Amino acid sequence: MIYPDNLELLIRFLSETPGISERAAERAVLSLSRLDEDEKRMITNALRELERIKPCVECGLPAEEDLCVVCKDSERDQTVICVVEQPRDAISIEKLGEYKGLYHVLGGVISPLEDISPEDLRIESLFKRIKEKNIKTVIIALNPTVEGEATSKFLIDRLEKMNVEVYRISYGIPYGGTIDMVDELTLKKAFEDKKLIAGGK
């Protein structure tokens, strides 16, 4: 490339981010390079703050301290957990402004082809939270992919043996689609139409 080394480095880092092509990364970096000095300083400070970000010890969402803002919020329903694959899925759900429970980020889905087993995910910590935190309801909000379905079935088989109600969000989300890519109306409908699949009386 004809760009300075630091710009090339930024483009390379961004293009390695899932969902961002090299061309999109290049456009983003060039756009940032045209900001005024104050805006560049704000971006630089924000990037420095990334050093402080770590997964919440409870749910796995990004946090500056041991607990994220969701887990620290005593106003949220402490008896409900929504299980998601990645933090971005929780963020999509949070944008609806209607879900008021907790989250649990698995960090992926079971995928034998990619050598990802249940032990590689935050599954056991989910069951531990359910037992220790008096959780009454679990909402499974995994993407409707082959791997998402396999992971959901694995969770449901285990959760059926626990004293909790288990819901699955509706299939307003197309099979093979992802939660973070659907529009808010579709996601809202999927949540409203969630199905009780275990633990009902």
N, C-alpha and C. Protein backbone atom coordinates (compact mmCIF):
# COMPACT_ATOMS: atom_id res chain seq x y z
N MET A 1 0.84 -1.20 0.00
CA MET A 1 0.00 0.00 0.00
C MET A 1 0.87 1.26 0.00
N ILE A 2 0.26 2.38 -0.30
CA ILE A 2 0.99 3.65 -0.31
C ILE A 2 0.79 4.41 1.00
N TYR A 3 0.10 3.81 1.96
CA TYR A 3 -0.18 4.49 3.22
C TYR A 3 1.00 4.39 4.17
N PRO A 4 1.08 5.33 5.14
CA PRO A 4 2.10 5.21 6.18
C PRO A 4 1.94 3.89 6.95
N ASP A 5 3.01 3.43 7.57
CA ASP A 5 2.99 2.13 8.25
C ASP A 5 1.91 2.03 9.32
N ASN A 6 1.71 3.12 10.08
CA ASN A 6 0.71 3.05 11.16
C ASN A 6 -0.71 2.89 10.62
N LEU A 7 -1.00 3.53 9.45
CA LEU A 7 -2.32 3.35 8.84
C LEU A 7 -2.49 1.93 8.33
N GLU A 8 -1.45 1.39 7.72
CA GLU A 8 -1.51 0.01 7.23
C GLU A 8 -1.76 -0.97 8.38
N LEU A 9 -1.12 -0.70 9.52
CA LEU A 9 -1.30 -1.56 10.69
C LEU A 9 -2.74 -1.52 11.17
N LEU A 10 -3.32 -0.30 11.22
CA LEU A 10 -4.72 -0.16 11.64
C LEU A 10 -5.66 -0.88 10.69
N ILE A 11 -5.41 -0.72 9.40
CA ILE A 11 -6.25 -1.38 8.39
C ILE A 11 -6.18 -2.89 8.55
N ARG A 12 -4.98 -3.41 8.79
CA ARG A 12 -4.81 -4.86 8.94
C ARG A 12 -5.56 -5.36 10.18
N PHE A 13 -5.41 -4.63 11.31
CA PHE A 13 -6.09 -5.04 12.53
C PHE A 13 -7.61 -5.04 12.34
N LEU A 14 -8.14 -3.96 11.74
CA LEU A 14 -9.58 -3.87 11.55
C LEU A 14 -10.10 -4.94 10.59
N SER A 15 -9.35 -5.22 9.54
CA SER A 15 -9.81 -6.19 8.54
C SER A 15 -9.82 -7.61 9.09
N GLU A 16 -9.12 -7.84 10.20
CA GLU A 16 -9.13 -9.16 10.84
C GLU A 16 -10.31 -9.31 11.80
N THR A 17 -11.07 -8.23 11.97
CA THR A 17 -12.26 -8.28 12.82
C THR A 17 -13.39 -8.94 12.05
N PRO A 18 -14.08 -9.92 12.65
CA PRO A 18 -15.19 -10.59 11.95
C PRO A 18 -16.21 -9.59 11.43
N GLY A 19 -16.59 -9.73 10.17
CA GLY A 19 -17.61 -8.88 9.58
C GLY A 19 -17.08 -7.62 8.92
N ILE A 20 -15.77 -7.37 9.03
CA ILE A 20 -15.19 -6.17 8.42
C ILE A 20 -14.21 -6.59 7.32
N SER A 21 -14.52 -6.21 6.09
CA SER A 21 -13.64 -6.54 4.98
C SER A 21 -12.44 -5.58 4.96
N GLU A 22 -11.44 -5.92 4.17
CA GLU A 22 -10.27 -5.05 4.07
C GLU A 22 -10.66 -3.69 3.50
N ARG A 23 -11.57 -3.69 2.53
CA ARG A 23 -12.00 -2.43 1.94
C ARG A 23 -12.75 -1.56 2.96
N ALA A 24 -13.62 -2.19 3.75
CA ALA A 24 -14.35 -1.44 4.78
C ALA A 24 -13.38 -0.91 5.83
N ALA A 25 -12.39 -1.72 6.19
CA ALA A 25 -11.38 -1.28 7.16
C ALA A 25 -10.59 -0.09 6.62
N GLU A 26 -10.26 -0.15 5.34
CA GLU A 26 -9.51 0.94 4.71
C GLU A 26 -10.33 2.23 4.73
N ARG A 27 -11.62 2.12 4.39
CA ARG A 27 -12.48 3.31 4.39
C ARG A 27 -12.58 3.90 5.80
N ALA A 28 -12.73 3.02 6.79
CA ALA A 28 -12.87 3.49 8.17
C ALA A 28 -11.62 4.21 8.64
N VAL A 29 -10.46 3.64 8.37
CA VAL A 29 -9.20 4.23 8.80
C VAL A 29 -8.96 5.57 8.10
N LEU A 30 -9.25 5.64 6.80
CA LEU A 30 -9.07 6.90 6.08
C LEU A 30 -10.03 7.97 6.60
N SER A 31 -11.24 7.55 6.96
CA SER A 31 -12.21 8.48 7.53
C SER A 31 -11.70 9.02 8.87
N LEU A 32 -11.15 8.13 9.70
CA LEU A 32 -10.61 8.56 10.99
C LEU A 32 -9.42 9.49 10.82
N SER A 33 -8.62 9.26 9.77
CA SER A 33 -7.43 10.10 9.55
C SER A 33 -7.78 11.54 9.18
N ARG A 34 -9.04 11.74 8.74
CA ARG A 34 -9.46 13.09 8.35
C ARG A 34 -10.12 13.87 9.49
N LEU A 35 -10.21 13.26 10.66
CA LEU A 35 -10.79 13.96 11.81
C LEU A 35 -9.89 15.10 12.26
N ASP A 36 -10.49 16.08 12.96
CA ASP A 36 -9.63 17.16 13.48
C ASP A 36 -8.87 16.66 14.71
N GLU A 37 -7.97 17.48 15.21
CA GLU A 37 -7.06 17.04 16.28
C GLU A 37 -7.81 16.62 17.54
N ASP A 38 -8.83 17.39 17.93
CA ASP A 38 -9.59 17.05 19.14
C ASP A 38 -10.29 15.70 19.00
N GLU A 39 -10.87 15.47 17.82
CA GLU A 39 -11.57 14.19 17.59
C GLU A 39 -10.58 13.02 17.58
N LYS A 40 -9.41 13.24 16.98
CA LYS A 40 -8.39 12.20 16.98
C LYS A 40 -7.94 11.88 18.40
N ARG A 41 -7.82 12.93 19.22
CA ARG A 41 -7.40 12.73 20.61
C ARG A 41 -8.45 11.91 21.38
N MET A 42 -9.71 12.19 21.11
CA MET A 42 -10.79 11.43 21.76
C MET A 42 -10.74 9.96 21.36
N ILE A 43 -10.51 9.70 20.05
CA ILE A 43 -10.42 8.33 19.56
C ILE A 43 -9.22 7.62 20.20
N THR A 44 -8.10 8.32 20.27
CA THR A 44 -6.88 7.74 20.86
C THR A 44 -7.10 7.38 22.31
N ASN A 45 -7.75 8.28 23.07
CA ASN A 45 -8.03 8.01 24.48
C ASN A 45 -8.97 6.83 24.64
N ALA A 46 -9.97 6.75 23.74
CA ALA A 46 -10.92 5.63 23.81
C ALA A 46 -10.21 4.30 23.55
N LEU A 47 -9.27 4.30 22.59
CA LEU A 47 -8.52 3.07 22.30
C LEU A 47 -7.64 2.68 23.48
N ARG A 48 -7.07 3.68 24.15
CA ARG A 48 -6.25 3.38 25.33
C ARG A 48 -7.08 2.70 26.41
N GLU A 49 -8.34 3.11 26.50
CA GLU A 49 -9.22 2.56 27.54
C GLU A 49 -9.51 1.07 27.30
N LEU A 50 -9.27 0.59 26.07
CA LEU A 50 -9.48 -0.83 25.79
C LEU A 50 -8.65 -1.72 26.69
N GLU A 51 -7.50 -1.20 27.16
CA GLU A 51 -6.64 -1.97 28.04
C GLU A 51 -7.36 -2.34 29.33
N ARG A 52 -8.34 -1.53 29.72
CA ARG A 52 -9.05 -1.77 30.98
C ARG A 52 -10.24 -2.71 30.82
N ILE A 53 -10.64 -2.97 29.58
CA ILE A 53 -11.83 -3.78 29.34
C ILE A 53 -11.51 -5.26 29.46
N LYS A 54 -12.36 -5.97 30.18
CA LYS A 54 -12.21 -7.41 30.38
C LYS A 54 -13.59 -8.03 30.50
N PRO A 55 -13.72 -9.34 30.33
CA PRO A 55 -15.04 -9.98 30.46
C PRO A 55 -15.54 -9.92 31.91
N CYS A 56 -16.80 -9.63 32.07
CA CYS A 56 -17.44 -9.66 33.39
C CYS A 56 -17.30 -11.07 33.98
N VAL A 57 -16.94 -11.15 35.25
CA VAL A 57 -16.72 -12.47 35.87
C VAL A 57 -18.03 -13.26 35.99
N GLU A 58 -19.15 -12.58 35.96
CA GLU A 58 -20.44 -13.26 36.07
C GLU A 58 -20.99 -13.69 34.72
N CYS A 59 -21.13 -12.72 33.80
CA CYS A 59 -21.86 -13.00 32.57
C CYS A 59 -21.01 -13.03 31.30
N GLY A 60 -19.81 -12.44 31.34
CA GLY A 60 -18.97 -12.44 30.16
C GLY A 60 -19.09 -11.21 29.28
N LEU A 61 -19.99 -10.28 29.62
CA LEU A 61 -20.09 -9.03 28.86
C LEU A 61 -18.86 -8.16 29.14
N PRO A 62 -18.50 -7.25 28.22
CA PRO A 62 -17.34 -6.38 28.48
C PRO A 62 -17.57 -5.54 29.73
N ALA A 63 -16.51 -5.39 30.52
CA ALA A 63 -16.62 -4.65 31.78
C ALA A 63 -15.31 -3.94 32.08
N GLU A 64 -15.39 -2.84 32.83
CA GLU A 64 -14.19 -2.14 33.29
C GLU A 64 -13.75 -2.67 34.64
N GLU A 65 -14.70 -3.22 35.39
CA GLU A 65 -14.40 -3.79 36.70
C GLU A 65 -14.74 -5.28 36.64
N ASP A 66 -14.79 -5.92 37.80
CA ASP A 66 -15.11 -7.36 37.81
C ASP A 66 -16.51 -7.62 37.26
N LEU A 67 -17.48 -6.73 37.60
CA LEU A 67 -18.85 -6.88 37.13
C LEU A 67 -19.18 -5.82 36.09
N CYS A 68 -19.99 -6.21 35.09
CA CYS A 68 -20.43 -5.26 34.06
C CYS A 68 -21.58 -4.41 34.59
N VAL A 69 -22.01 -3.44 33.81
CA VAL A 69 -23.08 -2.54 34.25
C VAL A 69 -24.41 -3.29 34.42
N VAL A 70 -24.62 -4.34 33.63
CA VAL A 70 -25.87 -5.11 33.75
C VAL A 70 -25.89 -5.88 35.06
N CYS A 71 -24.83 -6.59 35.36
CA CYS A 71 -24.79 -7.40 36.58
C CYS A 71 -24.80 -6.55 37.84
N LYS A 72 -24.30 -5.30 37.73
CA LYS A 72 -24.29 -4.41 38.90
C LYS A 72 -25.62 -3.70 39.11
N ASP A 73 -26.50 -3.78 38.13
CA ASP A 73 -27.77 -3.05 38.19
C ASP A 73 -28.79 -3.82 39.02
N SER A 74 -29.01 -3.38 40.24
CA SER A 74 -29.93 -4.07 41.16
C SER A 74 -31.38 -3.94 40.73
N GLU A 75 -31.67 -3.04 39.80
CA GLU A 75 -33.04 -2.85 39.32
C GLU A 75 -33.44 -3.92 38.31
N ARG A 76 -32.47 -4.64 37.76
CA ARG A 76 -32.79 -5.68 36.77
C ARG A 76 -33.29 -6.92 37.48
N ASP A 77 -34.08 -7.71 36.76
CA ASP A 77 -34.63 -8.94 37.31
C ASP A 77 -33.51 -9.96 37.50
N GLN A 78 -33.17 -10.24 38.73
CA GLN A 78 -32.06 -11.12 39.05
C GLN A 78 -32.42 -12.60 38.96
N THR A 79 -33.66 -12.90 38.55
CA THR A 79 -34.08 -14.31 38.46
C THR A 79 -34.18 -14.79 37.02
N VAL A 80 -33.83 -13.91 36.06
CA VAL A 80 -33.95 -14.26 34.63
C VAL A 80 -32.59 -14.08 33.95
N ILE A 81 -32.21 -15.09 33.18
CA ILE A 81 -30.97 -15.02 32.40
C ILE A 81 -31.28 -15.28 30.93
N CYS A 82 -30.74 -14.44 30.07
CA CYS A 82 -30.83 -14.63 28.62
C CYS A 82 -29.46 -15.11 28.13
N VAL A 83 -29.43 -16.28 27.52
CA VAL A 83 -28.18 -16.89 27.06
C VAL A 83 -27.93 -16.48 25.61
N VAL A 84 -26.76 -15.88 25.37
CA VAL A 84 -26.40 -15.44 24.02
C VAL A 84 -25.03 -16.01 23.65
N GLU A 85 -24.74 -15.96 22.35
CA GLU A 85 -23.47 -16.48 21.86
C GLU A 85 -22.32 -15.50 22.11
N GLN A 86 -22.53 -14.23 21.74
CA GLN A 86 -21.49 -13.22 21.85
C GLN A 86 -22.06 -11.93 22.46
N PRO A 87 -21.20 -11.05 23.00
CA PRO A 87 -21.68 -9.79 23.57
C PRO A 87 -22.52 -8.96 22.61
N ARG A 88 -22.19 -8.99 21.31
CA ARG A 88 -22.94 -8.17 20.34
C ARG A 88 -24.41 -8.58 20.28
N ASP A 89 -24.71 -9.87 20.58
CA ASP A 89 -26.10 -10.32 20.59
C ASP A 89 -26.85 -9.69 21.77
N ALA A 90 -26.19 -9.62 22.91
CA ALA A 90 -26.80 -8.98 24.09
C ALA A 90 -27.04 -7.51 23.82
N ILE A 91 -26.10 -6.87 23.13
CA ILE A 91 -26.25 -5.45 22.81
C ILE A 91 -27.45 -5.23 21.89
N SER A 92 -27.64 -6.13 20.91
CA SER A 92 -28.79 -6.03 20.01
C SER A 92 -30.10 -6.15 20.79
N ILE A 93 -30.14 -7.10 21.72
CA ILE A 93 -31.33 -7.29 22.55
C ILE A 93 -31.56 -6.09 23.46
N GLU A 94 -30.47 -5.57 24.00
CA GLU A 94 -30.56 -4.44 24.92
C GLU A 94 -31.13 -3.20 24.23
N LYS A 95 -30.84 -3.04 22.95
CA LYS A 95 -31.33 -1.88 22.20
C LYS A 95 -32.85 -1.86 22.10
N LEU A 96 -33.47 -3.02 22.28
CA LEU A 96 -34.94 -3.05 22.24
C LEU A 96 -35.54 -2.28 23.41
N GLY A 97 -34.79 -2.22 24.51
CA GLY A 97 -35.26 -1.47 25.68
C GLY A 97 -36.35 -2.17 26.46
N GLU A 98 -36.57 -3.46 26.22
CA GLU A 98 -37.67 -4.16 26.88
C GLU A 98 -37.21 -5.28 27.80
N TYR A 99 -36.10 -5.90 27.49
CA TYR A 99 -35.62 -6.99 28.34
C TYR A 99 -34.91 -6.41 29.55
N LYS A 100 -35.29 -6.87 30.74
CA LYS A 100 -34.76 -6.29 31.98
C LYS A 100 -34.09 -7.33 32.88
N GLY A 101 -33.75 -8.48 32.31
CA GLY A 101 -33.07 -9.50 33.10
C GLY A 101 -31.57 -9.43 32.94
N LEU A 102 -30.91 -10.55 33.25
CA LEU A 102 -29.46 -10.66 33.14
C LEU A 102 -29.08 -11.37 31.84
N TYR A 103 -27.80 -11.42 31.56
CA TYR A 103 -27.29 -12.12 30.37
C TYR A 103 -26.26 -13.16 30.77
N HIS A 104 -26.03 -14.09 29.85
CA HIS A 104 -24.88 -15.00 30.00
C HIS A 104 -24.31 -15.23 28.61
N VAL A 105 -23.06 -14.83 28.42
CA VAL A 105 -22.39 -14.96 27.12
C VAL A 105 -21.61 -16.28 27.09
N LEU A 106 -21.97 -17.14 26.14
CA LEU A 106 -21.28 -18.43 26.03
C LEU A 106 -19.88 -18.28 25.44
N GLY A 107 -19.70 -17.28 24.58
CA GLY A 107 -18.41 -17.10 23.94
C GLY A 107 -18.26 -17.93 22.67
N GLY A 108 -19.38 -18.42 22.15
CA GLY A 108 -19.35 -19.23 20.94
C GLY A 108 -20.43 -20.29 21.00
N VAL A 109 -20.37 -21.24 20.08
CA VAL A 109 -21.32 -22.35 20.05
C VAL A 109 -20.55 -23.65 19.81
N ILE A 110 -21.18 -24.75 20.17
CA ILE A 110 -20.56 -26.06 19.98
C ILE A 110 -20.40 -26.31 18.48
N SER A 111 -19.18 -26.66 18.07
CA SER A 111 -18.90 -26.88 16.65
C SER A 111 -17.79 -27.92 16.50
N PRO A 112 -18.16 -29.18 16.31
CA PRO A 112 -17.14 -30.23 16.14
C PRO A 112 -16.19 -29.95 14.99
N LEU A 113 -16.69 -29.32 13.91
CA LEU A 113 -15.84 -29.03 12.75
C LEU A 113 -14.73 -28.05 13.10
N GLU A 114 -15.02 -27.14 14.05
CA GLU A 114 -14.01 -26.17 14.48
C GLU A 114 -13.37 -26.59 15.79
N ASP A 115 -13.64 -27.83 16.21
CA ASP A 115 -13.06 -28.39 17.43
C ASP A 115 -13.44 -27.57 18.66
N ILE A 116 -14.71 -27.08 18.68
CA ILE A 116 -15.22 -26.35 19.84
C ILE A 116 -16.21 -27.25 20.56
N SER A 117 -15.87 -27.63 21.78
CA SER A 117 -16.71 -28.52 22.58
C SER A 117 -17.37 -27.72 23.71
N PRO A 118 -18.33 -28.31 24.43
CA PRO A 118 -18.96 -27.59 25.54
C PRO A 118 -17.95 -27.08 26.57
N GLU A 119 -16.85 -27.81 26.74
CA GLU A 119 -15.84 -27.43 27.72
C GLU A 119 -15.11 -26.14 27.31
N ASP A 120 -15.17 -25.80 26.03
CA ASP A 120 -14.50 -24.60 25.54
C ASP A 120 -15.35 -23.34 25.73
N LEU A 121 -16.61 -23.53 26.10
CA LEU A 121 -17.54 -22.41 26.24
C LEU A 121 -17.88 -22.16 27.70
N ARG A 122 -18.58 -21.07 27.95
CA ARG A 122 -18.94 -20.70 29.33
C ARG A 122 -20.28 -21.34 29.71
N ILE A 123 -20.33 -22.68 29.55
CA ILE A 123 -21.57 -23.41 29.81
C ILE A 123 -21.67 -23.84 31.27
N GLU A 124 -20.60 -24.39 31.81
CA GLU A 124 -20.64 -24.81 33.20
C GLU A 124 -20.85 -23.64 34.14
N SER A 125 -20.30 -22.47 33.78
CA SER A 125 -20.51 -21.28 34.62
C SER A 125 -21.96 -20.83 34.58
N LEU A 126 -22.66 -21.11 33.47
CA LEU A 126 -24.09 -20.82 33.38
C LEU A 126 -24.86 -21.67 34.38
N PHE A 127 -24.60 -22.97 34.38
CA PHE A 127 -25.30 -23.86 35.30
C PHE A 127 -24.98 -23.50 36.76
N LYS A 128 -23.75 -23.10 37.00
CA LYS A 128 -23.36 -22.70 38.35
C LYS A 128 -24.14 -21.45 38.79
N ARG A 129 -24.28 -20.48 37.88
CA ARG A 129 -25.05 -19.27 38.20
C ARG A 129 -26.50 -19.61 38.51
N ILE A 130 -27.07 -20.50 37.70
CA ILE A 130 -28.47 -20.88 37.89
C ILE A 130 -28.69 -21.47 39.28
N LYS A 131 -27.76 -22.32 39.68
CA LYS A 131 -27.89 -22.98 40.99
C LYS A 131 -27.65 -22.01 42.14
N GLU A 132 -26.63 -21.16 42.00
CA GLU A 132 -26.22 -20.31 43.11
C GLU A 132 -27.02 -19.02 43.23
N LYS A 133 -27.58 -18.54 42.13
CA LYS A 133 -28.24 -17.22 42.12
C LYS A 133 -29.76 -17.31 42.14
N ASN A 134 -30.29 -18.49 42.36
CA ASN A 134 -31.75 -18.66 42.44
C ASN A 134 -32.44 -18.21 41.15
N ILE A 135 -31.87 -18.59 40.01
CA ILE A 135 -32.45 -18.24 38.71
C ILE A 135 -33.72 -19.07 38.48
N LYS A 136 -34.77 -18.42 38.03
CA LYS A 136 -36.06 -19.09 37.80
C LYS A 136 -36.35 -19.30 36.32
N THR A 137 -35.82 -18.40 35.47
CA THR A 137 -36.15 -18.44 34.04
C THR A 137 -34.88 -18.28 33.20
N VAL A 138 -34.75 -19.14 32.18
CA VAL A 138 -33.63 -19.05 31.24
C VAL A 138 -34.21 -18.87 29.84
N ILE A 139 -33.77 -17.83 29.15
CA ILE A 139 -34.18 -17.58 27.77
C ILE A 139 -33.00 -17.89 26.86
N ILE A 140 -33.15 -18.84 25.96
CA ILE A 140 -32.08 -19.18 25.03
C ILE A 140 -32.24 -18.34 23.78
N ALA A 141 -31.25 -17.49 23.52
CA ALA A 141 -31.30 -16.59 22.37
C ALA A 141 -30.05 -16.81 21.51
N LEU A 142 -29.90 -18.04 21.04
CA LEU A 142 -28.77 -18.36 20.17
C LEU A 142 -29.20 -18.26 18.71
N ASN A 143 -28.24 -18.02 17.85
CA ASN A 143 -28.54 -17.87 16.43
C ASN A 143 -29.07 -19.18 15.84
N PRO A 144 -30.07 -19.10 14.95
CA PRO A 144 -30.66 -20.31 14.35
C PRO A 144 -29.79 -20.88 13.23
N THR A 145 -28.59 -21.30 13.61
CA THR A 145 -27.68 -21.98 12.69
C THR A 145 -27.57 -23.44 13.12
N VAL A 146 -26.91 -24.26 12.34
CA VAL A 146 -26.73 -25.67 12.72
C VAL A 146 -26.04 -25.76 14.07
N GLU A 147 -24.96 -24.96 14.25
CA GLU A 147 -24.22 -24.99 15.51
C GLU A 147 -25.05 -24.42 16.66
N GLY A 148 -25.82 -23.36 16.36
CA GLY A 148 -26.68 -22.76 17.38
C GLY A 148 -27.75 -23.73 17.85
N GLU A 149 -28.31 -24.48 16.89
CA GLU A 149 -29.33 -25.47 17.24
C GLU A 149 -28.74 -26.58 18.10
N ALA A 150 -27.54 -27.05 17.75
CA ALA A 150 -26.89 -28.11 18.51
C ALA A 150 -26.59 -27.65 19.93
N THR A 151 -26.14 -26.41 20.05
CA THR A 151 -25.82 -25.86 21.37
C THR A 151 -27.09 -25.68 22.20
N SER A 152 -28.16 -25.20 21.56
CA SER A 152 -29.44 -25.04 22.26
C SER A 152 -29.95 -26.37 22.77
N LYS A 153 -29.87 -27.41 21.96
CA LYS A 153 -30.33 -28.74 22.37
C LYS A 153 -29.51 -29.24 23.55
N PHE A 154 -28.19 -29.01 23.51
CA PHE A 154 -27.32 -29.42 24.61
C PHE A 154 -27.75 -28.72 25.91
N LEU A 155 -28.01 -27.42 25.80
CA LEU A 155 -28.42 -26.65 26.99
C LEU A 155 -29.77 -27.11 27.51
N ILE A 156 -30.71 -27.30 26.59
CA ILE A 156 -32.07 -27.69 26.98
C ILE A 156 -32.06 -29.04 27.69
N ASP A 157 -31.28 -29.99 27.18
CA ASP A 157 -31.20 -31.32 27.80
C ASP A 157 -30.73 -31.21 29.25
N ARG A 158 -29.80 -30.31 29.51
CA ARG A 158 -29.30 -30.13 30.88
C ARG A 158 -30.26 -29.32 31.73
N LEU A 159 -30.84 -28.28 31.12
CA LEU A 159 -31.72 -27.39 31.88
C LEU A 159 -33.02 -28.07 32.30
N GLU A 160 -33.46 -29.06 31.50
CA GLU A 160 -34.69 -29.78 31.84
C GLU A 160 -34.57 -30.50 33.18
N LYS A 161 -33.36 -30.75 33.61
CA LYS A 161 -33.14 -31.45 34.88
C LYS A 161 -33.03 -30.48 36.05
N MET A 162 -33.12 -29.18 35.75
CA MET A 162 -33.01 -28.16 36.79
C MET A 162 -34.37 -27.51 37.00
N ASN A 163 -34.53 -26.90 38.13
CA ASN A 163 -35.83 -26.32 38.49
C ASN A 163 -35.98 -24.91 37.91
N VAL A 164 -36.00 -24.83 36.58
CA VAL A 164 -36.14 -23.53 35.91
C VAL A 164 -37.09 -23.65 34.73
N GLU A 165 -37.70 -22.53 34.37
CA GLU A 165 -38.46 -22.46 33.12
C GLU A 165 -37.48 -22.11 32.01
N VAL A 166 -37.59 -22.78 30.88
CA VAL A 166 -36.68 -22.54 29.77
C VAL A 166 -37.49 -22.07 28.56
N TYR A 167 -37.13 -20.91 28.04
CA TYR A 167 -37.78 -20.36 26.85
C TYR A 167 -36.77 -20.31 25.70
N ARG A 168 -37.30 -20.35 24.51
CA ARG A 168 -36.48 -20.20 23.30
C ARG A 168 -37.10 -19.07 22.50
N ILE A 169 -36.29 -18.12 22.03
CA ILE A 169 -36.88 -17.02 21.26
C ILE A 169 -37.44 -17.59 19.96
N SER A 170 -38.44 -16.91 19.43
CA SER A 170 -39.17 -17.37 18.26
C SER A 170 -38.30 -17.34 17.01
N TYR A 171 -38.79 -18.00 15.95
CA TYR A 171 -38.06 -18.05 14.69
C TYR A 171 -38.43 -16.92 13.75
N GLY A 172 -38.69 -15.73 14.29
CA GLY A 172 -38.83 -14.57 13.43
C GLY A 172 -37.49 -14.30 12.75
N ILE A 173 -36.43 -14.81 13.39
CA ILE A 173 -35.09 -14.70 12.80
C ILE A 173 -34.93 -15.83 11.80
N PRO A 174 -34.57 -15.55 10.55
CA PRO A 174 -34.47 -16.61 9.54
C PRO A 174 -33.38 -17.62 9.89
N TYR A 175 -33.63 -18.88 9.52
CA TYR A 175 -32.65 -19.92 9.78
C TYR A 175 -31.35 -19.57 9.07
N GLY A 176 -30.25 -19.65 9.81
CA GLY A 176 -28.96 -19.29 9.26
C GLY A 176 -28.61 -17.82 9.48
N GLY A 177 -29.58 -17.03 9.97
CA GLY A 177 -29.32 -15.62 10.25
C GLY A 177 -28.68 -15.44 11.61
N THR A 178 -28.33 -14.20 11.93
CA THR A 178 -27.71 -13.92 13.23
C THR A 178 -28.45 -12.79 13.93
N ILE A 179 -28.50 -12.86 15.25
CA ILE A 179 -29.26 -11.91 16.06
C ILE A 179 -28.79 -10.48 15.85
N ASP A 180 -27.47 -10.29 15.74
CA ASP A 180 -26.95 -8.93 15.65
C ASP A 180 -27.18 -8.30 14.28
N MET A 181 -27.69 -9.06 13.32
CA MET A 181 -27.89 -8.53 11.97
C MET A 181 -29.36 -8.29 11.62
N VAL A 182 -30.30 -8.78 12.45
CA VAL A 182 -31.71 -8.59 12.12
C VAL A 182 -32.19 -7.23 12.59
N ASP A 183 -33.27 -6.75 12.00
CA ASP A 183 -33.80 -5.45 12.40
C ASP A 183 -34.48 -5.56 13.76
N GLU A 184 -34.64 -4.40 14.41
CA GLU A 184 -35.17 -4.38 15.78
C GLU A 184 -36.59 -4.93 15.86
N LEU A 185 -37.42 -4.66 14.84
CA LEU A 185 -38.80 -5.13 14.86
C LEU A 185 -38.85 -6.66 14.85
N THR A 186 -38.02 -7.29 14.01
CA THR A 186 -37.97 -8.75 13.93
C THR A 186 -37.49 -9.33 15.25
N LEU A 187 -36.45 -8.73 15.82
CA LEU A 187 -35.90 -9.23 17.08
C LEU A 187 -36.91 -9.05 18.22
N LYS A 188 -37.60 -7.91 18.22
CA LYS A 188 -38.62 -7.67 19.25
C LYS A 188 -39.72 -8.72 19.15
N LYS A 189 -40.16 -9.03 17.93
CA LYS A 189 -41.21 -10.03 17.72
C LYS A 189 -40.73 -11.40 18.17
N ALA A 190 -39.47 -11.72 17.88
CA ALA A 190 -38.91 -13.01 18.27
C ALA A 190 -38.92 -13.15 19.79
N PHE A 191 -38.64 -12.07 20.50
CA PHE A 191 -38.66 -12.11 21.96
C PHE A 191 -40.08 -12.22 22.49
N GLU A 192 -41.00 -11.45 21.90
CA GLU A 192 -42.39 -11.50 22.35
C GLU A 192 -43.00 -12.87 22.16
N ASP A 193 -42.60 -13.56 21.08
CA ASP A 193 -43.18 -14.86 20.76
C ASP A 193 -42.34 -16.03 21.26
N LYS A 194 -41.46 -15.77 22.24
CA LYS A 194 -40.61 -16.85 22.75
C LYS A 194 -41.48 -18.00 23.27
N LYS A 195 -40.98 -19.22 23.11
CA LYS A 195 -41.73 -20.43 23.47
C LYS A 195 -41.17 -21.06 24.71
N LEU A 196 -42.08 -21.47 25.60
CA LEU A 196 -41.67 -22.24 26.79
C LEU A 196 -41.38 -23.66 26.34
N ILE A 197 -40.16 -24.14 26.59
CA ILE A 197 -39.80 -25.46 26.12
C ILE A 197 -39.42 -26.43 27.23
N ALA A 198 -39.31 -25.91 28.45
CA ALA A 198 -39.03 -26.81 29.57
C ALA A 198 -39.38 -26.10 30.87
N GLY A 199 -39.77 -26.88 31.87
CA GLY A 199 -40.01 -26.33 33.20
C GLY A 199 -41.41 -25.80 33.41
N GLY A 200 -42.26 -25.88 32.42
CA GLY A 200 -43.64 -25.38 32.59
C GLY A 200 -44.48 -26.35 33.38
N LYS A 201 -45.47 -25.83 34.08
CA LYS A 201 -46.38 -26.66 34.88
C LYS A 201 -47.66 -26.93 34.10
